[in-house]
Amino acid sequence: MKKTSSYIINAPILLALAMAAFIQSSCKKDANVGSGNPVITQVRAYAASPNDSVLKAANPGNYVVLQGSHFTGVKQVYFDGVAASLNNALGSDNSLPVKVPAIPFATLNQAKLNTITVVTATGQVTYSFPVVPLATVITSMSNEDALPGETVTVYGSNFFYIDKVILPGGITVSSGIVTNDLGTTLAFTVPQGATTGGPIQVVNRYGTGTSVLLFDDFVTGVATNFDAINNYSWGLSSNPTNSSTAYPGNTGYYAVLNASSIPANDFAWYDGGRSINLNPTQWVPVADLSDNPANWALKFEIDVPAATPWVNGSIYIVNNYTWTYLAAYEPWKNSDGTTTPFVTNGWQTVVIPLSNFKTTPSGGADGSGSPLPSLTDLLGPTGNGSISIMFINAGTTVVNNFTVAIDNIRVEKY
């Protein structure tokens, strides 16, 4: 009886202990869940003091720290309705570091503009805070020597809320500007009167981006334009022409490369019509020879007609007829190993960074080895040398027909 009585007396105690253990376990499981709705009081820069100042706005890509309370167990943070990547290990109940995501301003839900929303297991809060695009960045242009009336595309970033495009000479375009949803392309028609050479500017409500590229500049860095500056020496099957019948939109004289029935593994680039060889010219000023090769580019305009698409064969570019470093231009090749017939539908600017000049590895393709380590390795101490643009067939199939026009060969800052 005593044993039975003892069991009965201890059962409630055991039950209480079990419930306490369950509650304690539950508390441990919920340790990462806040006890109330989240609150945002301010946004600070993600930096060590004294640079962790309170922010009034931020840009996509910035790291910020949300300050407030009840951030424990955060599930998601949204900037302008766009989810940000989270690392809960970096945060606390009253501090939450986060990177502002890329914002598609062109397609943004305007009701969510300039807001931060924090969602936790216990609730959510929306805080008014401006996220603004950066000033525009210009990286390239479809045709740097386009004529008035032609439509060109500028490539870059932050092409949102565009006010205007300013061409050299102060020529302004403020209407008919078309951008894509990602803010990476901008198209407009070159207006009449745009004849001065120089950088272009793209202005949005948050700032102005100025290009490194030079629009309609037929002097700076030009090795030959077959007009006022003409260092052409030999290689073509016919003299440069200025006919606008086959290649409309030309800016003067230009060269035409021709090749047909070129067998596989044919490197006879010196045969008539397959090369453009220029007399020595200044590639890069001596004062700039310590620059990174990636900061300079060889450029030219090219026109590949739809009637004769480029489907095989390569353009090689060398300095002083030396093949130690060469650049191979093969626009019909895709990065995944497939091929696509290449046409330009008019004149198009080709940009080849000098860092694309490479060695030829043993058993490998020409120009596929180590990149150019310095400008002097290619150009020597003077920065001067000839330029050869040559067509060869290093492939295994016959080149049936190759015809392209080339103009305005130059080396510029990039």
Protein backbone atom coordinates (compact mmCIF):
# COMPACT_ATOMS: atom_id res chain seq x y z
CA MET A 1 0.00 0.00 0.00
CA LYS A 2 2.78 2.34 0.80
CA LYS A 3 4.29 1.71 -2.62
CA THR A 4 0.96 2.35 -4.33
CA SER A 5 0.40 5.52 -2.33
CA SER A 6 3.85 6.71 -3.15
CA TYR A 7 3.18 6.26 -6.93
CA ILE A 8 -0.08 8.17 -6.75
CA ILE A 9 1.51 11.00 -4.85
CA ASN A 10 4.46 11.30 -7.30
CA ALA A 11 2.45 11.09 -10.55
CA PRO A 12 1.41 14.76 -10.57
CA ILE A 13 4.98 15.73 -9.89
CA LEU A 14 6.23 13.62 -12.78
CA LEU A 15 3.58 15.13 -15.04
CA ALA A 16 4.62 18.63 -14.01
CA LEU A 17 8.25 17.82 -14.67
CA ALA A 18 7.36 16.44 -18.10
CA MET A 19 5.39 19.57 -18.98
CA ALA A 20 8.25 21.76 -17.80
CA ALA A 21 10.67 19.81 -19.97
CA PHE A 22 8.32 20.18 -22.96
CA ILE A 23 7.99 23.92 -22.42
CA GLN A 24 11.74 24.27 -22.05
CA SER A 25 12.26 22.29 -25.27
CA SER A 26 9.70 24.43 -27.07
CA CYS A 27 11.42 27.56 -25.88
CA LYS A 28 14.70 26.28 -27.29
CA LYS A 29 13.03 25.48 -30.60
CA ASP A 30 11.48 28.96 -30.74
CA ALA A 31 14.64 30.77 -29.67
CA ASN A 32 14.95 32.10 -33.21
CA VAL A 33 11.42 33.51 -33.28
CA GLY A 34 10.83 37.11 -32.17
CA SER A 35 8.28 37.99 -29.54
CA GLY A 36 6.49 40.76 -31.45
CA ASN A 37 6.03 42.46 -34.79
CA PRO A 38 9.30 43.73 -36.27
CA VAL A 39 10.08 47.44 -35.99
CA ILE A 40 12.51 49.45 -38.17
CA THR A 41 13.79 52.65 -36.62
CA GLN A 42 16.63 53.57 -39.00
CA VAL A 43 18.97 52.36 -41.72
CA ARG A 44 22.73 52.69 -41.32
CA ALA A 45 25.71 52.17 -43.60
CA TYR A 46 27.32 48.75 -43.25
CA ALA A 47 30.72 50.04 -42.16
CA ALA A 48 32.88 50.40 -39.09
CA SER A 49 32.43 53.47 -36.90
CA PRO A 50 32.57 56.39 -37.60
CA ASN A 51 31.49 55.55 -41.16
CA ASP A 52 28.31 53.72 -40.10
CA SER A 53 26.22 56.85 -40.54
CA VAL A 54 22.44 56.91 -40.73
CA LEU A 55 21.34 56.73 -44.37
CA LYS A 56 18.63 58.72 -46.06
CA ALA A 57 18.77 56.60 -49.24
CA ALA A 58 20.70 53.70 -50.77
CA ASN A 59 21.58 52.28 -54.16
CA PRO A 60 21.17 48.75 -55.47
CA GLY A 61 24.22 46.76 -54.44
CA ASN A 62 24.82 48.72 -51.23
CA TYR A 63 25.20 46.87 -47.93
CA VAL A 64 23.06 48.42 -45.20
CA VAL A 65 22.09 47.62 -41.61
CA LEU A 66 18.44 47.77 -40.56
CA GLN A 67 18.09 48.79 -36.93
CA GLY A 68 15.05 48.34 -34.75
CA SER A 69 13.64 45.38 -32.83
CA HIS A 70 12.13 41.89 -33.17
CA PHE A 71 14.25 40.88 -36.17
CA THR A 72 14.93 37.43 -34.73
CA GLY A 73 13.63 34.71 -37.02
CA VAL A 74 13.41 37.03 -40.03
CA LYS A 75 12.04 35.22 -43.06
CA GLN A 76 12.45 37.82 -45.79
CA VAL A 77 13.43 41.42 -46.47
CA TYR A 78 12.09 43.30 -49.50
CA PHE A 79 13.39 46.52 -51.05
CA ASP A 80 10.80 48.11 -53.33
CA GLY A 81 9.08 44.72 -53.36
CA VAL A 82 12.22 42.85 -54.48
CA ALA A 83 13.50 40.09 -52.19
CA ALA A 84 17.03 40.47 -50.81
CA SER A 85 19.39 37.62 -49.98
CA LEU A 86 19.66 36.97 -46.24
CA ASN A 87 22.27 35.57 -43.86
CA ASN A 88 20.53 35.30 -40.49
CA ALA A 89 23.81 34.40 -38.80
CA LEU A 90 24.96 38.01 -39.20
CA GLY A 91 21.93 39.59 -37.58
CA SER A 92 20.47 40.00 -34.11
CA ASP A 93 17.09 40.90 -32.67
CA ASN A 94 17.74 44.61 -33.18
CA SER A 95 20.24 44.70 -36.06
CA LEU A 96 19.96 43.14 -39.52
CA PRO A 97 22.71 43.52 -42.18
CA VAL A 98 21.47 43.04 -45.75
CA LYS A 99 22.50 43.83 -49.32
CA VAL A 100 20.12 45.94 -51.40
CA PRO A 101 19.19 43.76 -54.43
CA ALA A 102 19.11 44.78 -58.07
CA ILE A 103 15.88 46.68 -58.66
CA PRO A 104 14.01 46.47 -62.01
CA PHE A 105 12.89 50.10 -61.86
CA ALA A 106 11.32 49.95 -65.33
CA THR A 107 8.75 47.33 -64.26
CA LEU A 108 8.55 48.13 -60.57
CA ASN A 109 5.19 48.14 -58.77
CA GLN A 110 4.99 51.86 -58.02
CA ALA A 111 2.99 51.18 -54.85
CA LYS A 112 6.10 49.53 -53.40
CA LEU A 113 8.55 52.20 -54.50
CA ASN A 114 10.83 53.54 -51.75
CA THR A 115 9.91 50.91 -49.17
CA ILE A 116 11.64 48.28 -47.06
CA THR A 117 9.52 45.40 -45.77
CA VAL A 118 10.73 42.96 -43.11
CA VAL A 119 8.78 39.72 -42.63
CA THR A 120 9.23 37.52 -39.55
CA ALA A 121 7.33 34.59 -38.08
CA THR A 122 5.35 36.97 -35.90
CA GLY A 123 4.49 39.74 -38.36
CA GLN A 124 5.87 42.27 -40.77
CA VAL A 125 6.64 45.97 -41.05
CA THR A 126 7.03 48.34 -44.01
CA TYR A 127 9.38 51.28 -43.66
CA SER A 128 9.65 54.28 -45.96
CA PHE A 129 13.16 54.44 -47.43
CA PRO A 130 14.31 55.51 -50.91
CA VAL A 131 16.30 53.06 -53.05
CA VAL A 132 17.54 54.99 -56.06
CA PRO A 133 19.40 53.95 -59.24
CA LEU A 134 23.02 54.93 -59.64
CA ALA A 135 24.11 57.37 -62.29
CA THR A 136 24.21 55.79 -65.73
CA VAL A 137 27.24 53.78 -66.87
CA ILE A 138 28.13 53.58 -70.58
CA THR A 139 30.20 50.61 -71.72
CA SER A 140 29.77 50.38 -75.49
CA MET A 141 27.76 51.48 -78.51
CA SER A 142 26.47 49.55 -81.50
CA ASN A 143 27.98 51.98 -84.02
CA GLU A 144 30.32 54.65 -82.71
CA ASP A 145 30.45 56.34 -86.14
CA ALA A 146 26.76 56.36 -87.03
CA LEU A 147 25.35 58.97 -89.39
CA PRO A 148 22.43 61.31 -88.57
CA GLY A 149 19.12 59.50 -89.00
CA GLU A 150 20.50 56.11 -87.96
CA THR A 151 19.34 54.30 -84.82
CA VAL A 152 22.07 53.27 -82.41
CA THR A 153 22.05 51.27 -79.18
CA VAL A 154 24.11 52.20 -76.15
CA TYR A 155 25.02 49.42 -73.71
CA GLY A 156 25.69 49.85 -70.01
CA SER A 157 23.73 49.97 -66.79
CA ASN A 158 21.29 52.07 -64.75
CA PHE A 159 19.38 53.32 -67.79
CA PHE A 160 16.32 54.19 -65.72
CA TYR A 161 14.33 57.46 -65.61
CA ILE A 162 16.35 58.82 -68.54
CA ASP A 163 16.13 62.56 -69.12
CA LYS A 164 18.33 62.93 -72.18
CA VAL A 165 21.36 61.86 -74.18
CA ILE A 166 23.99 64.50 -74.93
CA LEU A 167 26.14 63.98 -78.01
CA PRO A 168 29.43 65.79 -78.72
CA GLY A 169 28.92 69.45 -79.53
CA GLY A 170 26.01 69.68 -77.09
CA ILE A 171 23.52 67.99 -79.43
CA THR A 172 20.71 66.75 -77.17
CA VAL A 173 18.28 63.87 -77.62
CA SER A 174 15.35 63.99 -75.20
CA SER A 175 12.62 62.11 -77.06
CA GLY A 176 12.32 58.75 -78.77
CA ILE A 177 14.69 57.15 -76.25
CA VAL A 178 13.93 53.45 -75.72
CA THR A 179 15.39 51.42 -72.83
CA ASN A 180 14.96 47.78 -71.84
CA ASP A 181 13.48 46.58 -68.54
CA LEU A 182 16.91 45.76 -67.09
CA GLY A 183 18.24 49.23 -67.79
CA THR A 184 21.16 47.81 -69.79
CA THR A 185 20.35 49.10 -73.28
CA LEU A 186 19.30 52.47 -74.62
CA ALA A 187 18.37 53.17 -78.23
CA PHE A 188 17.89 56.50 -79.99
CA THR A 189 18.10 58.06 -83.44
CA VAL A 190 21.15 60.20 -84.16
CA PRO A 191 19.84 63.71 -84.83
CA GLN A 192 20.86 66.04 -87.61
CA GLY A 193 23.82 68.22 -86.74
CA ALA A 194 25.66 65.49 -84.80
CA THR A 195 29.00 65.79 -86.53
CA THR A 196 31.43 66.68 -83.73
CA GLY A 197 33.51 63.90 -82.23
CA GLY A 198 33.87 63.07 -78.53
CA PRO A 199 32.27 61.28 -75.56
CA ILE A 200 28.53 60.92 -75.12
CA GLN A 201 26.56 61.46 -71.92
CA VAL A 202 23.41 59.77 -70.64
CA VAL A 203 21.53 61.77 -68.03
CA ASN A 204 18.96 60.35 -65.61
CA ARG A 205 17.33 61.98 -62.61
CA TYR A 206 20.13 60.72 -60.35
CA GLY A 207 23.20 61.80 -62.28
CA THR A 208 25.14 61.80 -65.53
CA GLY A 209 27.25 59.05 -67.04
CA THR A 210 30.01 60.00 -69.48
CA SER A 211 31.44 57.50 -71.94
CA VAL A 212 35.05 56.58 -72.44
CA LEU A 213 34.18 55.68 -76.03
CA LEU A 214 34.35 58.47 -78.59
CA PHE A 215 31.39 59.04 -80.90
CA ASP A 216 32.05 60.27 -84.45
CA ASP A 217 35.72 60.93 -83.66
CA PHE A 218 37.75 60.29 -86.81
CA VAL A 219 41.04 61.56 -85.38
CA THR A 220 41.82 60.35 -81.86
CA GLY A 221 43.79 57.10 -81.94
CA VAL A 222 42.89 56.52 -85.60
CA ALA A 223 45.40 54.39 -87.49
CA THR A 224 43.49 54.71 -90.74
CA ASN A 225 40.04 55.79 -91.86
CA PHE A 226 41.00 55.52 -95.54
CA ASP A 227 40.21 59.24 -95.84
CA ALA A 228 42.15 62.08 -94.20
CA ILE A 229 44.15 59.55 -92.18
CA ASN A 230 45.31 56.76 -94.46
CA ASN A 231 48.11 54.41 -93.43
CA TYR A 232 46.94 51.58 -95.68
CA SER A 233 49.85 49.78 -97.30
CA TRP A 234 48.81 46.55 -99.05
CA GLY A 235 46.66 43.39 -99.00
CA LEU A 236 43.34 44.23 -100.66
CA SER A 237 42.28 42.91 -104.05
CA SER A 238 40.96 46.37 -104.94
CA ASN A 239 41.51 49.86 -103.64
CA PRO A 240 39.34 51.24 -100.82
CA THR A 241 35.99 52.54 -102.08
CA ASN A 242 33.41 55.05 -100.90
CA SER A 243 30.42 53.47 -102.66
CA SER A 244 27.27 53.48 -100.52
CA THR A 245 25.48 50.98 -102.77
CA ALA A 246 26.77 47.72 -101.27
CA TYR A 247 27.53 49.17 -97.84
CA PRO A 248 25.19 52.09 -97.13
CA GLY A 249 25.80 54.28 -94.11
CA ASN A 250 29.53 54.53 -94.77
CA THR A 251 31.39 57.57 -93.46
CA GLY A 252 33.79 57.81 -96.42
CA TYR A 253 36.23 55.38 -97.95
CA TYR A 254 36.46 51.85 -96.58
CA ALA A 255 38.16 48.53 -97.33
CA VAL A 256 36.54 45.28 -98.46
CA LEU A 257 38.04 41.89 -97.55
CA ASN A 258 37.22 39.08 -99.99
CA ALA A 259 37.91 35.35 -99.86
CA SER A 260 36.33 32.37 -101.59
CA SER A 261 36.94 28.63 -101.82
CA ILE A 262 39.54 28.75 -99.06
CA PRO A 263 40.47 25.19 -98.09
CA ALA A 264 40.73 23.94 -94.52
CA ASN A 265 43.89 24.90 -92.62
CA ASP A 266 44.78 27.61 -95.10
CA PHE A 267 46.92 30.35 -93.56
CA ALA A 268 47.79 32.17 -96.79
CA TRP A 269 46.44 35.46 -95.46
CA TYR A 270 48.80 37.36 -97.78
CA ASP A 271 46.89 36.24 -100.88
CA GLY A 272 45.14 39.13 -102.62
CA GLY A 273 42.01 40.40 -100.92
CA ARG A 274 42.48 38.64 -97.56
CA SER A 275 44.27 41.25 -95.46
CA ILE A 276 44.55 44.92 -94.54
CA ASN A 277 48.13 45.84 -93.71
CA LEU A 278 48.87 49.30 -92.33
CA ASN A 279 52.11 51.18 -92.10
CA PRO A 280 53.51 51.67 -88.57
CA THR A 281 51.36 53.92 -86.42
CA GLN A 282 51.09 54.87 -82.77
CA TRP A 283 48.92 52.30 -80.97
CA VAL A 284 49.25 53.73 -77.46
CA PRO A 285 51.02 56.93 -76.31
CA VAL A 286 54.32 56.25 -74.58
CA ALA A 287 53.03 57.93 -71.42
CA ASP A 288 50.28 55.29 -71.17
CA LEU A 289 52.30 52.14 -71.79
CA SER A 290 52.15 51.22 -68.10
CA ASP A 291 48.34 50.96 -68.28
CA ASN A 292 46.58 47.62 -68.01
CA PRO A 293 46.09 46.18 -71.53
CA ALA A 294 42.39 45.78 -70.69
CA ASN A 295 42.11 49.58 -70.55
CA TRP A 296 42.85 49.94 -74.27
CA ALA A 297 41.06 48.44 -77.26
CA LEU A 298 41.54 48.10 -80.98
CA LYS A 299 38.33 49.11 -82.75
CA PHE A 300 36.93 49.23 -86.24
CA GLU A 301 33.55 49.33 -87.95
CA ILE A 302 32.46 46.25 -89.86
CA ASP A 303 29.59 45.52 -92.23
CA VAL A 304 28.70 41.89 -93.00
CA PRO A 305 25.85 41.73 -95.55
CA ALA A 306 22.96 39.31 -95.08
CA ALA A 307 23.62 38.00 -98.58
CA THR A 308 27.03 36.66 -97.51
CA PRO A 309 26.83 35.73 -93.81
CA TRP A 310 30.10 34.92 -92.04
CA VAL A 311 29.93 31.24 -91.04
CA ASN A 312 33.55 30.09 -90.74
CA GLY A 313 37.11 31.34 -90.93
CA SER A 314 38.82 33.83 -88.63
CA ILE A 315 40.16 37.36 -88.62
CA TYR A 316 43.56 37.53 -86.95
CA ILE A 317 45.04 40.83 -85.83
CA VAL A 318 48.78 41.16 -85.24
CA ASN A 319 51.37 43.87 -84.66
CA ASN A 320 54.47 44.16 -86.88
CA TYR A 321 53.70 40.80 -88.54
CA THR A 322 54.62 39.07 -85.27
CA TRP A 323 52.41 36.22 -84.08
CA THR A 324 53.68 36.02 -80.50
CA TYR A 325 50.51 37.76 -79.38
CA LEU A 326 47.47 37.85 -81.65
CA ALA A 327 43.75 38.52 -81.33
CA ALA A 328 41.32 36.18 -83.08
CA TYR A 329 37.93 37.62 -84.05
CA GLU A 330 35.28 34.95 -84.74
CA PRO A 331 31.81 36.42 -84.11
CA TRP A 332 30.03 33.40 -85.60
CA LYS A 333 31.22 31.26 -82.70
CA ASN A 334 29.07 31.08 -79.57
CA SER A 335 30.43 30.57 -76.07
CA ASP A 336 28.67 27.20 -75.76
CA GLY A 337 30.48 25.78 -78.79
CA THR A 338 27.61 26.24 -81.24
CA THR A 339 27.75 28.55 -84.25
CA THR A 340 25.43 31.19 -85.69
CA PRO A 341 25.82 32.85 -89.10
CA PHE A 342 26.99 36.39 -88.41
CA VAL A 343 25.53 39.44 -90.15
CA THR A 344 25.49 43.05 -88.97
CA ASN A 345 22.54 44.65 -90.77
CA GLY A 346 24.63 47.73 -91.42
CA TRP A 347 27.80 49.10 -89.90
CA GLN A 348 28.70 47.90 -86.41
CA THR A 349 31.59 48.73 -84.09
CA VAL A 350 33.97 45.90 -83.16
CA VAL A 351 35.80 46.29 -79.86
CA ILE A 352 38.82 44.09 -79.11
CA PRO A 353 40.46 44.88 -75.74
CA LEU A 354 44.23 44.59 -76.03
CA SER A 355 44.05 42.05 -73.21
CA ASN A 356 42.47 39.76 -75.83
CA PHE A 357 45.83 39.51 -77.58
CA LYS A 358 47.10 36.12 -76.47
CA THR A 359 49.80 33.56 -77.11
CA THR A 360 49.27 30.29 -78.94
CA PRO A 361 49.60 27.29 -76.60
CA SER A 362 51.27 24.13 -77.77
CA GLY A 363 48.65 22.12 -79.65
CA GLY A 364 46.03 24.83 -79.06
CA ALA A 365 44.25 27.32 -81.25
CA ASP A 366 46.03 30.51 -82.28
CA GLY A 367 45.47 33.31 -79.79
CA SER A 368 43.92 31.06 -77.13
CA GLY A 369 46.80 30.97 -74.66
CA SER A 370 48.09 33.42 -72.06
CA PRO A 371 46.77 36.98 -72.28
CA LEU A 372 49.03 39.93 -72.94
CA PRO A 373 50.77 40.76 -69.62
CA SER A 374 51.67 44.35 -70.52
CA LEU A 375 51.36 46.80 -73.37
CA THR A 376 55.11 46.82 -73.90
CA ASP A 377 55.08 43.06 -74.49
CA LEU A 378 53.00 43.76 -77.58
CA LEU A 379 54.18 47.21 -78.59
CA GLY A 380 57.68 47.59 -77.20
CA PRO A 381 58.92 50.79 -75.55
CA THR A 382 57.61 53.10 -78.30
CA GLY A 383 53.96 51.98 -78.42
CA ASN A 384 54.29 52.08 -82.19
CA GLY A 385 53.90 49.39 -84.84
CA SER A 386 52.06 48.22 -87.92
CA ILE A 387 48.57 46.69 -87.80
CA SER A 388 47.56 43.69 -89.87
CA ILE A 389 43.99 42.45 -90.11
CA MET A 390 44.06 39.12 -91.93
CA PHE A 391 41.58 36.42 -92.86
CA ILE A 392 42.66 32.80 -92.43
CA ASN A 393 40.92 29.44 -92.30
CA ALA A 394 42.16 27.37 -89.36
CA GLY A 395 39.06 25.19 -89.47
CA THR A 396 38.30 21.82 -91.01
CA THR A 397 35.75 22.98 -93.60
CA VAL A 398 36.08 25.06 -96.76
CA VAL A 399 35.27 28.76 -96.59
CA ASN A 400 32.99 29.17 -99.57
CA ASN A 401 32.56 32.92 -99.48
CA PHE A 402 33.74 35.66 -97.14
CA THR A 403 33.05 39.33 -97.84
CA VAL A 404 33.12 42.11 -95.24
CA ALA A 405 33.72 45.85 -95.24
CA ILE A 406 36.00 47.44 -92.63
CA ASP A 407 36.59 51.09 -91.76
CA ASN A 408 38.00 53.45 -89.11
CA ILE A 409 40.72 51.24 -87.62
CA ARG A 410 41.83 52.75 -84.33
CA VAL A 411 43.14 52.14 -80.81
CA GLU A 412 41.39 53.97 -77.97
CA LYS A 413 40.99 54.06 -74.23
CA TYR A 414 38.49 51.44 -73.13
